[in-house]
Amino acid sequence: MTCKEAIDVIADFLDQILSAKACADLDAHLRDCEPCRVYLATYRATRTLVGEAARVEMPPELRLRLRRFLLEQLGARPN
């Protein structure tokens, strides 16, 4: 596996959708390739940071209004 091939499959590797053979090939490549190990670590950290940054806490007032609206739409009474 080349570095380009490794980089092309890293997202699938992290999503755990890579075939067993491709995982084995990537693991073998990573054992011998420091730059790709660094790339993987950086990519993994970036995905984590982006995931955390994308989370927005809903304000309590909006959450209550949304809950009431949904319950009304379902024909239930809010508590």
Protein backbone atom coordinates (compact mmCIF):
# COMPACT_ATOMS: atom_id res chain seq x y z
CA MET A 1 0.00 0.00 0.00
CA THR A 2 1.28 3.46 -0.87
CA CYS A 3 0.88 6.57 1.24
CA LYS A 4 -1.74 7.90 -1.18
CA GLU A 5 -3.72 4.66 -0.94
CA ALA A 6 -3.48 4.79 2.86
CA ILE A 7 -4.74 8.38 2.96
CA ASP A 8 -7.58 7.45 0.60
CA VAL A 9 -8.91 4.81 3.02
CA ILE A 10 -8.31 6.43 6.41
CA ALA A 11 -11.85 7.86 6.67
CA ASP A 12 -13.33 4.42 5.96
CA PHE A 13 -10.91 2.91 8.48
CA LEU A 14 -12.09 5.30 11.19
CA ASP A 15 -15.72 4.68 10.24
CA GLN A 16 -15.00 0.94 10.57
CA ILE A 17 -16.31 0.17 7.09
CA LEU A 18 -13.03 -0.95 5.58
CA SER A 19 -12.73 -4.57 4.48
CA ALA A 20 -10.62 -6.92 6.59
CA LYS A 21 -8.00 -7.14 3.82
CA ALA A 22 -7.79 -3.38 3.43
CA CYS A 23 -7.48 -3.00 7.24
CA ALA A 24 -4.63 -5.49 7.27
CA ASP A 25 -2.94 -3.67 4.38
CA LEU A 26 -3.34 -0.32 6.13
CA ASP A 27 -2.05 -1.71 9.43
CA ALA A 28 1.01 -3.10 7.66
CA HIS A 29 1.63 0.23 5.97
CA LEU A 30 1.20 2.18 9.21
CA ARG A 31 3.74 -0.04 10.99
CA ASP A 32 6.43 1.14 8.58
CA CYS A 33 5.29 4.68 7.76
CA GLU A 34 5.68 7.38 10.41
CA PRO A 35 4.19 10.18 8.21
CA CYS A 36 0.99 8.18 7.69
CA ARG A 37 0.74 7.42 11.42
CA VAL A 38 1.03 11.15 12.08
CA TYR A 39 -1.56 11.85 9.37
CA LEU A 40 -3.93 9.30 10.95
CA ALA A 41 -3.50 10.81 14.42
CA THR A 42 -4.08 14.33 13.08
CA TYR A 43 -7.10 13.25 11.04
CA ARG A 44 -8.58 11.45 14.05
CA ALA A 45 -8.04 14.49 16.32
CA THR A 46 -9.54 16.82 13.71
CA ARG A 47 -12.67 14.69 13.39
CA THR A 48 -13.06 14.70 17.16
CA LEU A 49 -12.67 18.48 17.40
CA VAL A 50 -15.08 19.13 14.54
CA GLY A 51 -17.63 16.79 16.11
CA GLU A 52 -17.37 18.61 19.44
CA ALA A 53 -17.57 22.04 17.82
CA ALA A 54 -20.69 21.10 15.88
CA ARG A 55 -22.63 20.30 19.07
CA VAL A 56 -24.87 23.14 20.14
CA GLU A 57 -26.78 23.06 23.40
CA MET A 58 -30.41 24.00 22.94
CA PRO A 59 -31.53 26.78 25.31
CA PRO A 60 -34.01 25.52 27.95
CA GLU A 61 -36.81 27.84 26.76
CA LEU A 62 -36.50 26.59 23.18
CA ARG A 63 -36.37 22.98 24.35
CA LEU A 64 -39.61 23.48 26.36
CA ARG A 65 -41.37 25.19 23.43
CA LEU A 66 -40.26 22.45 21.04
CA ARG A 67 -41.43 19.72 23.43
CA ARG A 68 -44.86 21.39 23.78
CA PHE A 69 -45.17 21.79 20.03
CA LEU A 70 -44.29 18.15 19.35
CA LEU A 71 -46.66 16.89 22.00
CA GLU A 72 -49.44 19.03 20.52
CA GLN A 73 -48.71 17.63 17.07
CA LEU A 74 -48.93 14.10 18.47
CA GLY A 75 -52.23 14.91 20.18
CA ALA A 76 -50.81 14.48 23.66
CA ARG A 77 -50.99 16.89 26.53
CA PRO A 78 -47.77 18.45 27.84
CA ASN A 79 -46.94 17.77 31.48
